[in-house]
Amino acid sequence: MVSEQQRRRTAQLRRRGSVVLEYLLLATIVGLGVIVGLAVVRDALVTELKDLAFAIRLLL
């Protein structure tokens, strides 16, 4: 027969595991957001630099 103390401990461990899982999912989503955001910034920067190069070429 399982004692009340063992039940509490099991419940506490389950809660800890679910909290760790939630943080892991949150970190994964944030990481993916950062990667996508940096890719968008890279594309915008390349476009602006191309426009700048074209404008400088027209001046010369």
C-alpha atoms as a PDB file:
ATOM      1  CA  MET A   1       0.000   0.000   0.000  1.00  0.00           C
ATOM      2  CA  VAL A   2       1.308   3.449  -0.935  1.00  0.00           C
ATOM      3  CA  SER A   3       1.621   5.969   1.863  1.00  0.00           C
ATOM      4  CA  GLU A   4       0.346   9.523   1.658  1.00  0.00           C
ATOM      5  CA  GLN A   5       3.902  10.864   1.696  1.00  0.00           C
ATOM      6  CA  GLN A   6       4.843   8.782  -1.346  1.00  0.00           C
ATOM      7  CA  ARG A   7       1.734  10.006  -3.191  1.00  0.00           C
ATOM      8  CA  ARG A   8       2.647  13.614  -2.479  1.00  0.00           C
ATOM      9  CA  ARG A   9       6.184  13.052  -3.638  1.00  0.00           C
ATOM     10  CA  THR A  10       4.990  11.401  -6.852  1.00  0.00           C
ATOM     11  CA  ALA A  11       2.599  14.282  -7.513  1.00  0.00           C
ATOM     12  CA  GLN A  12       5.375  16.797  -6.874  1.00  0.00           C
ATOM     13  CA  LEU A  13       7.689  15.029  -9.301  1.00  0.00           C
ATOM     14  CA  ARG A  14       4.968  14.989 -11.961  1.00  0.00           C
ATOM     15  CA  ARG A  15       4.418  18.725 -11.504  1.00  0.00           C
ATOM     16  CA  ARG A  16       8.151  19.361 -11.798  1.00  0.00           C
ATOM     17  CA  GLY A  17       8.298  17.341 -14.977  1.00  0.00           C
ATOM     18  CA  SER A  18       5.406  19.214 -16.520  1.00  0.00           C
ATOM     19  CA  VAL A  19       6.974  22.572 -15.624  1.00  0.00           C
ATOM     20  CA  VAL A  20      10.262  21.535 -17.214  1.00  0.00           C
ATOM     21  CA  LEU A  21       8.385  20.425 -20.316  1.00  0.00           C
ATOM     22  CA  GLU A  22       6.565  23.768 -20.517  1.00  0.00           C
ATOM     23  CA  TYR A  23       9.842  25.678 -20.267  1.00  0.00           C
ATOM     24  CA  LEU A  24      11.379  23.458 -22.926  1.00  0.00           C
ATOM     25  CA  LEU A  25       8.473  24.117 -25.297  1.00  0.00           C
ATOM     26  CA  LEU A  26       8.650  27.851 -24.579  1.00  0.00           C
ATOM     27  CA  ALA A  27      12.401  27.931 -25.253  1.00  0.00           C
ATOM     28  CA  THR A  28      11.879  26.019 -28.505  1.00  0.00           C
ATOM     29  CA  ILE A  29       9.213  28.448 -29.713  1.00  0.00           C
ATOM     30  CA  VAL A  30      11.324  31.475 -28.772  1.00  0.00           C
ATOM     31  CA  GLY A  31      14.363  29.966 -30.473  1.00  0.00           C
ATOM     32  CA  LEU A  32      12.445  29.360 -33.676  1.00  0.00           C
ATOM     33  CA  GLY A  33      11.090  32.914 -33.543  1.00  0.00           C
ATOM     34  CA  VAL A  34      14.591  34.325 -33.183  1.00  0.00           C
ATOM     35  CA  ILE A  35      15.872  32.271 -36.117  1.00  0.00           C
ATOM     36  CA  VAL A  36      12.992  33.336 -38.364  1.00  0.00           C
ATOM     37  CA  GLY A  37      13.354  36.962 -37.268  1.00  0.00           C
ATOM     38  CA  LEU A  38      17.065  36.983 -38.058  1.00  0.00           C
ATOM     39  CA  ALA A  39      16.398  35.491 -41.486  1.00  0.00           C
ATOM     40  CA  VAL A  40      13.904  38.262 -42.241  1.00  0.00           C
ATOM     41  CA  VAL A  41      16.360  40.931 -41.065  1.00  0.00           C
ATOM     42  CA  ARG A  42      19.087  39.372 -43.223  1.00  0.00           C
ATOM     43  CA  ASP A  43      16.879  39.446 -46.324  1.00  0.00           C
ATOM     44  CA  ALA A  44      15.843  43.056 -45.693  1.00  0.00           C
ATOM     45  CA  LEU A  45      19.462  44.107 -45.160  1.00  0.00           C
ATOM     46  CA  VAL A  46      20.609  42.425 -48.371  1.00  0.00           C
ATOM     47  CA  THR A  47      17.827  44.157 -50.298  1.00  0.00           C
ATOM     48  CA  GLU A  48      18.764  47.559 -48.873  1.00  0.00           C
ATOM     49  CA  LEU A  49      22.447  47.039 -49.642  1.00  0.00           C
ATOM     50  CA  LYS A  50      21.597  46.063 -53.224  1.00  0.00           C
ATOM     51  CA  ASP A  51      19.552  49.240 -53.574  1.00  0.00           C
ATOM     52  CA  LEU A  52      22.444  51.271 -52.166  1.00  0.00           C
ATOM     53  CA  ALA A  53      24.919  49.638 -54.547  1.00  0.00           C
ATOM     54  CA  PHE A  54      22.623  50.364 -57.490  1.00  0.00           C
ATOM     55  CA  ALA A  55      22.292  54.025 -56.441  1.00  0.00           C
ATOM     56  CA  ILE A  56      26.076  54.407 -56.086  1.00  0.00           C
ATOM     57  CA  ARG A  57      26.592  52.806 -59.482  1.00  0.00           C
ATOM     58  CA  LEU A  58      24.219  55.350 -61.033  1.00  0.00           C
ATOM     59  CA  LEU A  59      26.226  58.210 -59.514  1.00  0.00           C
ATOM     60  CA  LEU A  60      29.490  56.960 -61.027  1.00  0.00           C
END
